[in-house]
């Protein structure tokens, strides 16, 4: 069996006419792939990240795909003020927000016995608290319009155990719980909230920061013998943000072969 990914898909107008706000969309990971796929599916996007140069470069690259300027704003998702400013800027730029993709997250490997408070709180803050802050900030806007979709980025580690991942797994399990509970709270107001749970997606940054042996072990655990391409995860995010997922809310969709 080939370990190569399938051909890159063409757009099918799944998000035609919709406006999408995406966090952590700079670089070469899932966030940027999601922004590109949203554009290719007909959406207008507004992106954010905490890295000035990478965010500007991402916006320029996406503008070429969109054949129109793509708005962006720097945002540290651990700051309530910056989160509020981001949502306001996106609304001002796009007119309204149909879809929010909460992609921000922070990982790392450390056993509990060696973990410092700062290590724990930083991962929880960036990965879990950011999804809460962004959701809370955008919900009044969506509730007022009686429509909207939020897509959170969780992880299969929210279900299964792995050494050295207590902080990250706890954060992602929290994202799953936040997804399910908040979805029930706003279902009657016309807002849907779902999440994807990838195993791992390969991209240049991951390859630079992760030992080759560890990546090979992760790939060997996958049915396809490879990690996902970021756009393969982004495709499921696009689906959950689209009207094709109109009867789905509070769901966690595993984008993996982990059989979690």
Protein backbone atom coordinates (compact mmCIF):
# COMPACT_ATOMS: atom_id res chain seq x y z
CA UNK A 1 0.00 0.00 0.00
CA UNK A 2 1.30 3.45 -0.91
CA UNK A 3 2.11 5.77 1.98
CA UNK A 4 1.61 8.79 -0.23
CA UNK A 5 -1.38 11.07 0.44
CA UNK A 6 -4.14 11.31 -2.16
CA UNK A 7 -4.17 14.14 -4.69
CA UNK A 8 -4.97 17.57 -3.32
CA UNK A 9 -8.75 18.08 -3.69
CA UNK A 10 -10.50 20.73 -5.70
CA UNK A 11 -13.00 23.02 -4.04
CA UNK A 12 -16.73 22.30 -4.23
CA UNK A 13 -18.16 25.57 -2.86
CA UNK A 14 -18.94 24.05 0.55
CA UNK A 15 -18.45 27.46 2.21
CA UNK A 16 -19.65 29.68 -0.61
CA UNK A 17 -20.57 33.11 0.77
CA UNK A 18 -19.44 32.37 4.33
CA UNK A 19 -16.97 34.33 6.47
CA UNK A 20 -14.45 32.42 8.57
CA UNK A 21 -12.20 33.49 11.45
CA UNK A 22 -9.24 31.20 12.18
CA UNK A 23 -6.77 31.35 15.07
CA UNK A 24 -3.15 30.16 14.87
CA UNK A 25 -3.27 30.26 11.07
CA UNK A 26 0.33 31.28 10.33
CA UNK A 27 3.04 28.82 9.39
CA UNK A 28 2.59 25.47 7.67
CA UNK A 29 0.25 23.62 10.02
CA UNK A 30 -3.44 22.84 10.26
CA UNK A 31 -4.50 26.47 10.78
CA UNK A 32 -2.96 27.71 7.55
CA UNK A 33 -4.24 24.65 5.69
CA UNK A 34 -7.73 25.35 7.05
CA UNK A 35 -7.57 28.96 5.88
CA UNK A 36 -6.52 27.89 2.41
CA UNK A 37 -9.17 25.17 2.15
CA UNK A 38 -11.86 27.61 3.34
CA UNK A 39 -10.87 30.04 0.60
CA UNK A 40 -10.86 27.26 -1.97
CA UNK A 41 -14.35 26.29 -0.80
CA UNK A 42 -15.65 29.82 -1.42
CA UNK A 43 -15.23 31.55 1.96
CA UNK A 44 -13.71 34.86 2.91
CA UNK A 45 -11.25 34.41 5.75
CA UNK A 46 -9.69 36.49 8.50
CA UNK A 47 -6.66 34.98 10.23
CA UNK A 48 -4.72 35.55 13.41
CA UNK A 49 -1.57 34.32 15.08
CA UNK A 50 0.95 35.53 17.64
CA UNK A 51 3.96 35.66 15.27
CA UNK A 52 4.09 39.01 13.38
CA UNK A 53 6.22 38.06 10.38
CA UNK A 54 4.69 34.62 9.87
CA UNK A 55 1.17 36.02 10.16
CA UNK A 56 1.85 38.71 7.58
CA UNK A 57 3.45 36.18 5.24
CA UNK A 58 0.50 33.82 5.67
CA UNK A 59 -1.96 36.59 4.84
CA UNK A 60 0.02 37.50 1.72
CA UNK A 61 0.12 33.89 0.57
CA UNK A 62 -3.60 33.41 1.21
CA UNK A 63 -4.38 36.65 -0.62
CA UNK A 64 -2.85 35.12 -3.74
CA UNK A 65 -5.10 32.07 -3.36
CA UNK A 66 -8.16 34.26 -2.79
CA UNK A 67 -7.21 36.77 -5.46
CA UNK A 68 -8.26 39.38 -2.90
CA UNK A 69 -6.77 40.82 0.30
CA UNK A 70 -6.99 38.53 3.34
CA UNK A 71 -7.35 40.35 6.65
CA UNK A 72 -5.34 39.48 9.71
CA UNK A 73 -4.65 40.63 13.24
CA UNK A 74 -2.02 39.58 15.72
CA UNK A 75 -3.53 37.91 18.77
CA UNK A 76 -2.18 36.26 21.88
CA UNK A 77 -5.08 33.95 22.70
CA UNK A 78 -4.09 33.94 26.38
CA UNK A 79 -5.12 37.62 26.57
CA UNK A 80 -8.82 38.37 26.98
CA UNK A 81 -8.37 41.91 25.63
CA UNK A 82 -6.60 40.69 22.51
CA UNK A 83 -9.23 38.01 21.92
CA UNK A 84 -12.01 40.58 22.14
CA UNK A 85 -10.10 42.88 19.78
CA UNK A 86 -9.59 40.06 17.31
CA UNK A 87 -13.29 39.23 17.12
CA UNK A 88 -14.18 42.92 16.73
CA UNK A 89 -11.58 43.33 13.96
CA UNK A 90 -12.87 40.27 12.11
CA UNK A 91 -16.46 41.52 12.29
CA UNK A 92 -15.38 44.95 11.07
CA UNK A 93 -13.41 43.44 8.18
CA UNK A 94 -15.85 40.72 7.11
CA UNK A 95 -19.17 42.23 8.19
CA UNK A 96 -20.04 39.15 10.23
CA UNK A 97 -18.56 35.79 11.26
CA UNK A 98 -20.23 32.59 10.08
CA UNK A 99 -17.53 30.15 11.21
CA UNK A 100 -14.89 30.27 13.94
CA UNK A 101 -12.07 27.74 13.83
CA UNK A 102 -10.28 27.49 17.17
CA UNK A 103 -6.93 26.08 16.14
CA UNK A 104 -4.56 27.54 18.76
CA UNK A 105 -2.72 25.00 20.87
CA UNK A 106 0.60 24.28 22.52
CA UNK A 107 2.23 20.91 23.12
CA UNK A 108 5.39 19.53 24.65
CA UNK A 109 6.69 16.38 26.29
CA UNK A 110 7.29 16.16 30.03
CA UNK A 111 6.58 13.59 32.72
CA UNK A 112 4.42 14.76 35.60
CA UNK A 113 7.18 14.17 38.15
CA UNK A 114 9.38 16.68 36.31
CA UNK A 115 6.67 19.14 35.26
CA UNK A 116 6.68 22.64 36.69
CA UNK A 117 3.53 24.66 37.35
CA UNK A 118 4.41 27.03 34.53
CA UNK A 119 4.72 24.11 32.08
CA UNK A 120 1.26 22.85 33.03
CA UNK A 121 -0.51 26.21 33.08
CA UNK A 122 1.00 27.42 29.81
CA UNK A 123 -0.23 24.40 27.85
CA UNK A 124 -3.67 24.56 29.48
CA UNK A 125 -3.93 28.31 28.85
CA UNK A 126 -2.97 28.24 25.17
CA UNK A 127 -4.79 25.02 24.32
CA UNK A 128 -7.96 24.99 26.44
CA UNK A 129 -8.52 28.47 27.83
CA UNK A 130 -8.05 30.01 24.37
CA UNK A 131 -10.91 27.94 22.95
CA UNK A 132 -13.08 29.08 25.85
CA UNK A 133 -12.12 32.74 25.41
CA UNK A 134 -12.68 32.73 21.65
CA UNK A 135 -15.97 30.87 21.96
CA UNK A 136 -17.24 33.24 24.64
CA UNK A 137 -16.21 36.27 22.59
CA UNK A 138 -17.88 35.20 19.35
CA UNK A 139 -21.07 33.62 20.70
CA UNK A 140 -23.03 36.87 21.31
CA UNK A 141 -22.42 37.81 17.68
CA UNK A 142 -23.58 34.42 16.41
CA UNK A 143 -26.54 34.22 18.79
CA UNK A 144 -27.71 37.65 17.65
CA UNK A 145 -27.65 36.40 14.05
CA UNK A 146 -29.23 33.06 15.07
CA UNK A 147 -26.62 31.17 13.06
CA UNK A 148 -23.00 30.18 13.16
CA UNK A 149 -20.60 27.29 13.54
CA UNK A 150 -17.57 26.83 15.77
CA UNK A 151 -14.97 24.16 15.03
CA UNK A 152 -12.45 23.30 17.75
CA UNK A 153 -9.18 21.46 17.25
CA UNK A 154 -8.93 18.68 19.84
CA UNK A 155 -6.75 15.56 19.64
CA UNK A 156 -6.99 11.78 19.99
CA UNK A 157 -4.93 12.35 23.16
CA UNK A 158 -8.14 13.64 24.70
CA UNK A 159 -9.24 9.98 24.67
CA UNK A 160 -6.12 7.88 25.01
CA UNK A 161 -3.06 7.91 27.26
CA UNK A 162 0.51 8.65 26.26
CA UNK A 163 3.57 9.14 28.44
CA UNK A 164 4.79 12.71 28.77
CA UNK A 165 1.52 14.20 27.55
CA UNK A 166 -0.48 14.73 30.75
CA UNK A 167 -0.76 18.49 30.30
CA UNK A 168 -1.59 18.38 26.60
CA UNK A 169 -3.99 15.44 26.92
CA UNK A 170 -5.78 17.13 29.82
CA UNK A 171 -6.13 20.30 27.76
CA UNK A 172 -7.48 18.46 24.73
CA UNK A 173 -9.91 16.44 26.85
CA UNK A 174 -11.06 19.79 28.19
CA UNK A 175 -11.58 21.07 24.64
CA UNK A 176 -13.78 18.05 23.98
CA UNK A 177 -15.86 18.67 27.11
CA UNK A 178 -16.13 22.38 26.30
CA UNK A 179 -17.31 21.46 22.80
CA UNK A 180 -20.04 19.11 24.03
CA UNK A 181 -21.39 21.30 26.83
CA UNK A 182 -21.30 24.64 25.02
CA UNK A 183 -22.95 23.04 21.99
CA UNK A 184 -25.99 22.11 24.06
CA UNK A 185 -26.20 25.64 25.47
CA UNK A 186 -26.53 27.32 22.07
CA UNK A 187 -28.24 24.70 19.90
CA UNK A 188 -31.63 26.39 20.16
CA UNK A 189 -30.04 29.68 19.12
CA UNK A 190 -28.93 28.20 15.81
CA UNK A 191 -25.23 27.86 16.62
CA UNK A 192 -23.37 24.58 16.14
CA UNK A 193 -20.14 23.64 17.96
CA UNK A 194 -18.09 20.59 16.98
CA UNK A 195 -14.47 19.49 17.09
CA UNK A 196 -11.95 17.45 15.17
CA UNK A 197 -9.56 15.08 16.94
CA UNK A 198 -6.49 14.43 14.79
CA UNK A 199 -3.74 12.01 15.75
CA UNK A 200 -0.90 13.97 14.18
CA UNK A 201 -0.33 15.93 11.00
CA UNK A 202 3.11 16.21 9.46
CA UNK A 203 4.49 19.61 8.52
CA UNK A 204 7.94 21.28 8.45
CA UNK A 205 7.70 22.80 11.94
CA UNK A 206 6.86 19.44 13.49
CA UNK A 207 9.74 17.81 11.66
CA UNK A 208 12.12 20.45 13.02
CA UNK A 209 10.97 20.12 16.63
CA UNK A 210 10.34 16.37 16.92
CA UNK A 211 13.02 13.67 16.89
CA UNK A 212 12.98 11.60 13.71
CA UNK A 213 12.63 8.36 15.68
CA UNK A 214 9.52 9.68 17.43
CA UNK A 215 7.92 10.72 14.14
CA UNK A 216 8.63 7.29 12.69
CA UNK A 217 7.00 5.64 15.69
CA UNK A 218 3.92 7.84 15.35
CA UNK A 219 3.67 7.07 11.64
CA UNK A 220 4.00 3.34 12.30
CA UNK A 221 0.95 3.50 14.60
CA UNK A 222 -1.23 4.83 11.77
CA UNK A 223 -3.13 2.50 9.46
CA UNK A 224 -1.80 4.35 6.43
CA UNK A 225 1.77 4.26 7.70
CA UNK A 226 2.02 8.05 7.55
CA UNK A 227 0.85 11.15 9.32
CA UNK A 228 -1.99 13.23 7.94
CA UNK A 229 -1.33 16.12 5.65
CA UNK A 230 -2.59 19.30 7.35
CA UNK A 231 -5.15 19.76 4.57
CA UNK A 232 -6.61 16.33 5.30
CA UNK A 233 -7.54 17.57 8.79
CA UNK A 234 -8.62 20.92 7.38
CA UNK A 235 -11.07 19.18 5.04
CA UNK A 236 -13.01 17.86 8.03
CA UNK A 237 -12.96 21.30 9.63
CA UNK A 238 -14.44 22.71 6.41
CA UNK A 239 -17.17 20.07 6.47
CA UNK A 240 -18.08 20.82 10.11
CA UNK A 241 -18.23 24.53 9.34
CA UNK A 242 -20.43 23.99 6.29
CA UNK A 243 -24.17 23.48 5.99
CA UNK A 244 -23.49 19.84 5.13
CA UNK A 245 -23.00 19.31 8.87
CA UNK A 246 -26.25 21.07 9.76
CA UNK A 247 -27.48 18.29 12.07
CA UNK A 248 -24.19 17.84 13.91
CA UNK A 249 -23.41 19.60 17.16
CA UNK A 250 -21.42 18.61 20.23
CA UNK A 251 -19.62 15.97 18.18
CA UNK A 252 -15.92 15.10 18.26
CA UNK A 253 -14.82 13.71 14.88
CA UNK A 254 -11.66 11.63 14.96
CA UNK A 255 -9.45 12.44 11.96
CA UNK A 256 -7.13 9.49 12.33
CA UNK A 257 -6.86 5.74 12.24
CA UNK A 258 -6.23 5.48 15.96
CA UNK A 259 -9.56 3.76 16.66
CA UNK A 260 -9.72 5.79 19.85
